[in-house]
Amino acid sequence: DLPSEKRDAVLSQKTELEKAGMLFEPFGDGAVLVRATPAVLGETDAKTLMGDIADTIMEFGDSLALKERIKKIAATMACHGSVRAGRILDANEMNALLRQMESVPYSGQCIHGRPTYIELKLKDIEKLFGRRE
């Protein structure tokens, strides 16, 4: 289920979204049926993804060229494929993620400019545990 303005927004860009791997169709009143999401996203919450895509389309509307709109939507999709706050990773996943980050330029921030990690010095950790003032 999507509010009608969001539903209309995603339907208005259906062809472009299909090029990016989003397969969906109108489904009754106020809903879309998502048949496929881009494989690169892995398992994703289709409802949240469609809502975020709709927000992006509504924010930028037709003010951007098609290529720029697709880039903005792709950025939104990329965030859905990322490791999110609260997700528990095992040691192997953590190490693999760190190795991948070492090989990617600008991995210190997401596509929206938010930091992906923070550096804590030993003195900062000691302060957190009451070892230093």
N, C-alpha and C. Protein backbone atom coordinates (compact mmCIF):
# COMPACT_ATOMS: atom_id res chain seq x y z
N ASP A 1 0.84 -1.19 0.00
CA ASP A 1 0.00 0.00 0.00
C ASP A 1 0.88 1.24 0.00
N LEU A 2 0.52 2.19 -0.84
CA LEU A 2 1.19 3.48 -0.90
C LEU A 2 0.14 4.57 -0.98
N PRO A 3 0.38 5.70 -0.33
CA PRO A 3 -0.53 6.82 -0.53
C PRO A 3 -0.61 7.13 -2.03
N SER A 4 -1.74 7.65 -2.47
CA SER A 4 -1.97 7.82 -3.91
C SER A 4 -0.90 8.67 -4.59
N GLU A 5 -0.39 9.71 -3.91
CA GLU A 5 0.63 10.55 -4.56
C GLU A 5 1.94 9.78 -4.76
N LYS A 6 2.27 8.89 -3.82
CA LYS A 6 3.48 8.08 -3.97
C LYS A 6 3.28 7.02 -5.05
N ARG A 7 2.11 6.42 -5.05
CA ARG A 7 1.80 5.42 -6.08
C ARG A 7 1.89 6.05 -7.46
N ASP A 8 1.31 7.23 -7.63
CA ASP A 8 1.36 7.93 -8.91
C ASP A 8 2.80 8.26 -9.30
N ALA A 9 3.61 8.64 -8.30
CA ALA A 9 5.01 9.00 -8.58
C ALA A 9 5.78 7.80 -9.13
N VAL A 10 5.67 6.64 -8.48
CA VAL A 10 6.43 5.47 -8.98
C VAL A 10 5.88 4.99 -10.31
N LEU A 11 4.57 5.06 -10.49
CA LEU A 11 4.00 4.63 -11.77
C LEU A 11 4.42 5.56 -12.90
N SER A 12 4.63 6.84 -12.59
CA SER A 12 5.05 7.79 -13.63
C SER A 12 6.47 7.50 -14.13
N GLN A 13 7.24 6.78 -13.34
CA GLN A 13 8.63 6.47 -13.70
C GLN A 13 8.84 4.97 -13.89
N LYS A 14 7.77 4.25 -14.15
CA LYS A 14 7.81 2.78 -14.25
C LYS A 14 8.86 2.29 -15.24
N THR A 15 8.91 2.88 -16.42
CA THR A 15 9.85 2.43 -17.45
C THR A 15 11.30 2.58 -16.98
N GLU A 16 11.61 3.74 -16.38
CA GLU A 16 12.97 3.97 -15.90
C GLU A 16 13.32 3.03 -14.75
N LEU A 17 12.35 2.79 -13.86
CA LEU A 17 12.59 1.90 -12.74
C LEU A 17 12.79 0.46 -13.20
N GLU A 18 12.07 0.06 -14.23
CA GLU A 18 12.25 -1.29 -14.77
C GLU A 18 13.65 -1.45 -15.33
N LYS A 19 14.21 -0.40 -15.93
CA LYS A 19 15.58 -0.46 -16.44
C LYS A 19 16.57 -0.70 -15.30
N ALA A 20 16.21 -0.24 -14.10
CA ALA A 20 17.07 -0.42 -12.93
C ALA A 20 16.81 -1.73 -12.20
N GLY A 21 15.84 -2.53 -12.70
CA GLY A 21 15.59 -3.83 -12.10
C GLY A 21 14.39 -3.91 -11.18
N MET A 22 13.60 -2.83 -11.09
CA MET A 22 12.38 -2.83 -10.27
C MET A 22 11.22 -3.24 -11.15
N LEU A 23 10.63 -4.38 -10.89
CA LEU A 23 9.47 -4.82 -11.65
C LEU A 23 8.24 -4.75 -10.75
N PHE A 24 7.27 -3.95 -11.17
CA PHE A 24 6.06 -3.76 -10.37
C PHE A 24 4.92 -3.35 -11.27
N GLU A 25 3.71 -3.42 -10.72
CA GLU A 25 2.52 -3.05 -11.48
C GLU A 25 1.45 -2.54 -10.53
N PRO A 26 0.50 -1.77 -11.05
CA PRO A 26 -0.60 -1.32 -10.20
C PRO A 26 -1.35 -2.53 -9.66
N PHE A 27 -1.82 -2.42 -8.43
CA PHE A 27 -2.52 -3.54 -7.81
C PHE A 27 -3.67 -2.98 -6.98
N GLY A 28 -4.82 -2.92 -7.58
CA GLY A 28 -5.97 -2.39 -6.87
C GLY A 28 -5.84 -0.90 -6.63
N ASP A 29 -6.59 -0.42 -5.67
CA ASP A 29 -6.61 1.00 -5.37
C ASP A 29 -5.56 1.34 -4.31
N GLY A 30 -4.62 2.19 -4.66
CA GLY A 30 -3.62 2.65 -3.70
C GLY A 30 -2.52 1.66 -3.40
N ALA A 31 -2.24 0.74 -4.31
CA ALA A 31 -1.17 -0.23 -4.06
C ALA A 31 -0.44 -0.55 -5.35
N VAL A 32 0.78 -1.04 -5.19
CA VAL A 32 1.53 -1.61 -6.30
C VAL A 32 2.01 -2.98 -5.87
N LEU A 33 2.08 -3.87 -6.82
CA LEU A 33 2.58 -5.22 -6.57
C LEU A 33 4.02 -5.27 -7.08
N VAL A 34 4.97 -5.48 -6.17
CA VAL A 34 6.38 -5.55 -6.53
C VAL A 34 6.70 -6.99 -6.86
N ARG A 35 7.13 -7.22 -8.09
CA ARG A 35 7.46 -8.57 -8.54
C ARG A 35 8.96 -8.87 -8.43
N ALA A 36 9.78 -7.84 -8.52
CA ALA A 36 11.23 -8.05 -8.43
C ALA A 36 11.92 -6.74 -8.05
N THR A 37 13.02 -6.90 -7.31
CA THR A 37 13.89 -5.77 -6.98
C THR A 37 15.27 -6.10 -7.54
N PRO A 38 16.12 -5.09 -7.73
CA PRO A 38 17.45 -5.37 -8.27
C PRO A 38 18.21 -6.39 -7.42
N ALA A 39 18.80 -7.38 -8.07
CA ALA A 39 19.52 -8.45 -7.36
C ALA A 39 20.63 -7.89 -6.48
N VAL A 40 21.23 -6.80 -6.89
CA VAL A 40 22.34 -6.22 -6.14
C VAL A 40 21.91 -5.79 -4.73
N LEU A 41 20.62 -5.57 -4.52
CA LEU A 41 20.13 -5.18 -3.20
C LEU A 41 20.00 -6.34 -2.24
N GLY A 42 20.04 -7.56 -2.76
CA GLY A 42 19.83 -8.72 -1.90
C GLY A 42 18.41 -8.71 -1.39
N GLU A 43 18.22 -9.20 -0.18
CA GLU A 43 16.88 -9.22 0.41
C GLU A 43 16.57 -7.82 0.92
N THR A 44 15.47 -7.25 0.46
CA THR A 44 15.13 -5.88 0.85
C THR A 44 13.64 -5.76 1.14
N ASP A 45 13.28 -4.78 1.92
CA ASP A 45 11.89 -4.51 2.24
C ASP A 45 11.29 -3.70 1.09
N ALA A 46 10.52 -4.35 0.25
CA ALA A 46 9.98 -3.73 -0.97
C ALA A 46 9.10 -2.52 -0.65
N LYS A 47 8.33 -2.59 0.41
CA LYS A 47 7.43 -1.48 0.74
C LYS A 47 8.23 -0.22 1.09
N THR A 48 9.24 -0.38 1.93
CA THR A 48 10.07 0.75 2.31
C THR A 48 10.83 1.28 1.10
N LEU A 49 11.38 0.36 0.30
CA LEU A 49 12.12 0.75 -0.89
C LEU A 49 11.24 1.57 -1.83
N MET A 50 10.02 1.09 -2.10
CA MET A 50 9.12 1.81 -3.01
C MET A 50 8.75 3.17 -2.42
N GLY A 51 8.55 3.24 -1.13
CA GLY A 51 8.24 4.52 -0.49
C GLY A 51 9.39 5.51 -0.63
N ASP A 52 10.62 5.02 -0.43
CA ASP A 52 11.80 5.88 -0.56
C ASP A 52 12.00 6.33 -2.01
N ILE A 53 11.78 5.42 -2.95
CA ILE A 53 11.89 5.77 -4.36
C ILE A 53 10.85 6.83 -4.71
N ALA A 54 9.63 6.64 -4.22
CA ALA A 54 8.57 7.63 -4.47
C ALA A 54 8.95 8.99 -3.90
N ASP A 55 9.51 9.00 -2.69
CA ASP A 55 9.94 10.27 -2.09
C ASP A 55 10.98 10.96 -2.96
N THR A 56 11.93 10.18 -3.49
CA THR A 56 12.97 10.74 -4.36
C THR A 56 12.35 11.33 -5.62
N ILE A 57 11.45 10.59 -6.23
CA ILE A 57 10.78 11.07 -7.45
C ILE A 57 10.00 12.35 -7.14
N MET A 58 9.28 12.35 -6.03
CA MET A 58 8.47 13.52 -5.67
C MET A 58 9.35 14.72 -5.33
N GLU A 59 10.50 14.47 -4.72
CA GLU A 59 11.40 15.56 -4.35
C GLU A 59 11.99 16.23 -5.58
N PHE A 60 12.41 15.42 -6.55
CA PHE A 60 13.10 15.97 -7.71
C PHE A 60 12.21 16.11 -8.93
N GLY A 61 11.09 15.41 -8.95
CA GLY A 61 10.13 15.52 -10.03
C GLY A 61 10.76 15.51 -11.41
N ASP A 62 10.28 16.38 -12.27
CA ASP A 62 10.81 16.48 -13.63
C ASP A 62 11.88 17.55 -13.75
N SER A 63 12.36 18.05 -12.61
CA SER A 63 13.35 19.11 -12.66
C SER A 63 14.73 18.59 -13.04
N LEU A 64 14.93 17.30 -12.96
CA LEU A 64 16.22 16.71 -13.33
C LEU A 64 16.09 15.95 -14.63
N ALA A 65 17.17 15.90 -15.36
CA ALA A 65 17.20 15.10 -16.58
C ALA A 65 17.03 13.64 -16.21
N LEU A 66 16.57 12.86 -17.15
CA LEU A 66 16.32 11.43 -16.92
C LEU A 66 17.54 10.75 -16.30
N LYS A 67 18.71 11.00 -16.83
CA LYS A 67 19.93 10.37 -16.33
C LYS A 67 20.16 10.70 -14.85
N GLU A 68 19.94 11.94 -14.48
CA GLU A 68 20.12 12.35 -13.09
C GLU A 68 19.06 11.72 -12.18
N ARG A 69 17.83 11.63 -12.67
CA ARG A 69 16.77 10.98 -11.87
C ARG A 69 17.12 9.54 -11.60
N ILE A 70 17.61 8.84 -12.62
CA ILE A 70 17.99 7.43 -12.45
C ILE A 70 19.12 7.32 -11.44
N LYS A 71 20.10 8.24 -11.48
CA LYS A 71 21.20 8.21 -10.52
C LYS A 71 20.68 8.42 -9.09
N LYS A 72 19.75 9.34 -8.91
CA LYS A 72 19.19 9.58 -7.57
C LYS A 72 18.43 8.35 -7.08
N ILE A 73 17.66 7.74 -7.95
CA ILE A 73 16.90 6.55 -7.57
C ILE A 73 17.86 5.39 -7.28
N ALA A 74 18.91 5.26 -8.09
CA ALA A 74 19.90 4.20 -7.86
C ALA A 74 20.59 4.40 -6.51
N ALA A 75 20.85 5.65 -6.15
CA ALA A 75 21.46 5.93 -4.84
C ALA A 75 20.54 5.49 -3.72
N THR A 76 19.25 5.74 -3.87
CA THR A 76 18.28 5.30 -2.87
C THR A 76 18.27 3.78 -2.77
N MET A 77 18.29 3.11 -3.92
CA MET A 77 18.31 1.64 -3.93
C MET A 77 19.59 1.12 -3.29
N ALA A 78 20.71 1.77 -3.55
CA ALA A 78 21.99 1.33 -2.98
C ALA A 78 21.95 1.37 -1.46
N CYS A 79 21.34 2.40 -0.92
CA CYS A 79 21.25 2.49 0.54
C CYS A 79 20.44 1.33 1.12
N HIS A 80 19.46 0.85 0.37
CA HIS A 80 18.67 -0.28 0.86
C HIS A 80 19.46 -1.57 0.87
N GLY A 81 20.51 -1.65 0.08
CA GLY A 81 21.34 -2.84 0.05
C GLY A 81 22.47 -2.80 1.05
N SER A 82 22.57 -1.71 1.78
CA SER A 82 23.70 -1.54 2.70
C SER A 82 23.43 -2.17 4.06
N VAL A 83 24.48 -2.26 4.85
CA VAL A 83 24.35 -2.73 6.23
C VAL A 83 23.71 -1.60 7.02
N ARG A 84 22.63 -1.88 7.71
CA ARG A 84 21.88 -0.85 8.44
C ARG A 84 22.16 -0.95 9.93
N ALA A 85 21.88 0.16 10.62
CA ALA A 85 22.04 0.19 12.08
C ALA A 85 21.22 -0.93 12.71
N GLY A 86 21.80 -1.59 13.69
CA GLY A 86 21.09 -2.65 14.39
C GLY A 86 21.29 -4.03 13.80
N ARG A 87 21.81 -4.10 12.58
CA ARG A 87 22.04 -5.41 11.98
C ARG A 87 23.28 -6.02 12.61
N ILE A 88 23.18 -7.24 13.06
CA ILE A 88 24.29 -7.91 13.72
C ILE A 88 25.09 -8.68 12.68
N LEU A 89 26.39 -8.39 12.62
CA LEU A 89 27.29 -9.08 11.69
C LEU A 89 28.17 -10.03 12.48
N ASP A 90 28.50 -11.17 11.87
CA ASP A 90 29.47 -12.05 12.53
C ASP A 90 30.88 -11.56 12.15
N ALA A 91 31.91 -12.13 12.78
CA ALA A 91 33.28 -11.67 12.58
C ALA A 91 33.71 -11.76 11.12
N ASN A 92 33.33 -12.83 10.43
CA ASN A 92 33.69 -12.97 9.01
C ASN A 92 33.06 -11.87 8.16
N GLU A 93 31.79 -11.55 8.43
CA GLU A 93 31.12 -10.48 7.68
C GLU A 93 31.78 -9.13 7.95
N MET A 94 32.15 -8.89 9.22
CA MET A 94 32.81 -7.63 9.56
C MET A 94 34.14 -7.50 8.83
N ASN A 95 34.93 -8.56 8.86
CA ASN A 95 36.23 -8.52 8.18
C ASN A 95 36.07 -8.35 6.68
N ALA A 96 35.11 -9.04 6.08
CA ALA A 96 34.87 -8.90 4.64
C ALA A 96 34.45 -7.47 4.31
N LEU A 97 33.60 -6.90 5.14
CA LEU A 97 33.15 -5.52 4.91
C LEU A 97 34.33 -4.55 4.99
N LEU A 98 35.18 -4.71 5.98
CA LEU A 98 36.34 -3.83 6.11
C LEU A 98 37.28 -3.97 4.92
N ARG A 99 37.51 -5.19 4.45
CA ARG A 99 38.38 -5.39 3.27
C ARG A 99 37.77 -4.72 2.03
N GLN A 100 36.46 -4.84 1.89
CA GLN A 100 35.79 -4.21 0.75
C GLN A 100 35.89 -2.69 0.85
N MET A 101 35.73 -2.16 2.05
CA MET A 101 35.81 -0.70 2.22
C MET A 101 37.21 -0.18 1.89
N GLU A 102 38.23 -0.98 2.17
CA GLU A 102 39.60 -0.56 1.86
C GLU A 102 39.82 -0.40 0.36
N SER A 103 39.07 -1.13 -0.43
CA SER A 103 39.29 -1.10 -1.88
C SER A 103 38.36 -0.15 -2.62
N VAL A 104 37.49 0.55 -1.89
CA VAL A 104 36.51 1.43 -2.53
C VAL A 104 36.82 2.89 -2.19
N PRO A 105 36.99 3.72 -3.22
CA PRO A 105 37.22 5.15 -2.94
C PRO A 105 36.00 5.75 -2.24
N TYR A 106 36.23 6.67 -1.33
CA TYR A 106 35.18 7.39 -0.61
C TYR A 106 34.27 6.47 0.20
N SER A 107 34.78 5.36 0.68
CA SER A 107 33.95 4.45 1.46
C SER A 107 33.63 5.00 2.85
N GLY A 108 34.24 6.10 3.21
CA GLY A 108 33.99 6.70 4.51
C GLY A 108 32.64 7.40 4.62
N GLN A 109 31.93 7.48 3.51
CA GLN A 109 30.59 8.09 3.54
C GLN A 109 29.68 7.39 2.55
N CYS A 110 28.38 7.45 2.85
CA CYS A 110 27.40 6.85 1.95
C CYS A 110 27.15 7.82 0.79
N ILE A 111 26.34 7.39 -0.14
CA ILE A 111 26.04 8.20 -1.32
C ILE A 111 25.38 9.53 -0.96
N HIS A 112 24.76 9.59 0.22
CA HIS A 112 24.11 10.82 0.67
C HIS A 112 25.04 11.70 1.51
N GLY A 113 26.29 11.25 1.70
CA GLY A 113 27.26 12.04 2.44
C GLY A 113 27.33 11.74 3.93
N ARG A 114 26.57 10.76 4.40
CA ARG A 114 26.61 10.41 5.82
C ARG A 114 27.83 9.53 6.09
N PRO A 115 28.45 9.69 7.27
CA PRO A 115 29.62 8.85 7.57
C PRO A 115 29.24 7.38 7.70
N THR A 116 30.14 6.51 7.25
CA THR A 116 29.91 5.07 7.38
C THR A 116 30.62 4.50 8.60
N TYR A 117 31.52 5.26 9.18
CA TYR A 117 32.20 4.84 10.40
C TYR A 117 32.78 6.08 11.08
N ILE A 118 33.14 5.94 12.35
CA ILE A 118 33.85 7.00 13.05
C ILE A 118 35.10 6.39 13.67
N GLU A 119 36.12 7.20 13.80
CA GLU A 119 37.38 6.73 14.38
C GLU A 119 37.40 7.09 15.86
N LEU A 120 37.68 6.12 16.70
CA LEU A 120 37.82 6.35 18.14
C LEU A 120 39.27 6.10 18.53
N LYS A 121 39.88 7.11 19.09
CA LYS A 121 41.25 6.97 19.61
C LYS A 121 41.17 6.23 20.95
N LEU A 122 42.29 5.67 21.38
CA LEU A 122 42.34 4.95 22.64
C LEU A 122 41.85 5.84 23.79
N LYS A 123 42.26 7.11 23.78
CA LYS A 123 41.82 8.01 24.87
C LYS A 123 40.31 8.19 24.87
N ASP A 124 39.68 8.19 23.68
CA ASP A 124 38.21 8.30 23.60
C ASP A 124 37.54 7.08 24.22
N ILE A 125 38.08 5.91 23.94
CA ILE A 125 37.52 4.67 24.49
C ILE A 125 37.71 4.64 26.01
N GLU A 126 38.90 5.07 26.46
CA GLU A 126 39.15 5.11 27.90
C GLU A 126 38.17 6.06 28.60
N LYS A 127 37.84 7.19 27.96
CA LYS A 127 36.86 8.12 28.53
C LYS A 127 35.48 7.46 28.63
N LEU A 128 35.11 6.74 27.60
CA LEU A 128 33.80 6.08 27.59
C LEU A 128 33.66 5.09 28.74
N PHE A 129 34.77 4.47 29.13
CA PHE A 129 34.74 3.47 30.20
C PHE A 129 35.21 4.03 31.54
N GLY A 130 35.25 5.36 31.66
CA GLY A 130 35.59 5.98 32.92
C GLY A 130 37.03 5.78 33.35
N ARG A 131 37.92 5.53 32.43
CA ARG A 131 39.34 5.32 32.75
C ARG A 131 40.12 6.62 32.66
N ARG A 132 39.53 7.61 32.06
CA ARG A 132 40.21 8.87 31.84
C ARG A 132 39.18 9.99 31.88
N GLU A 133 39.59 11.15 32.31
CA GLU A 133 38.66 12.30 32.39
C GLU A 133 38.85 13.23 31.24
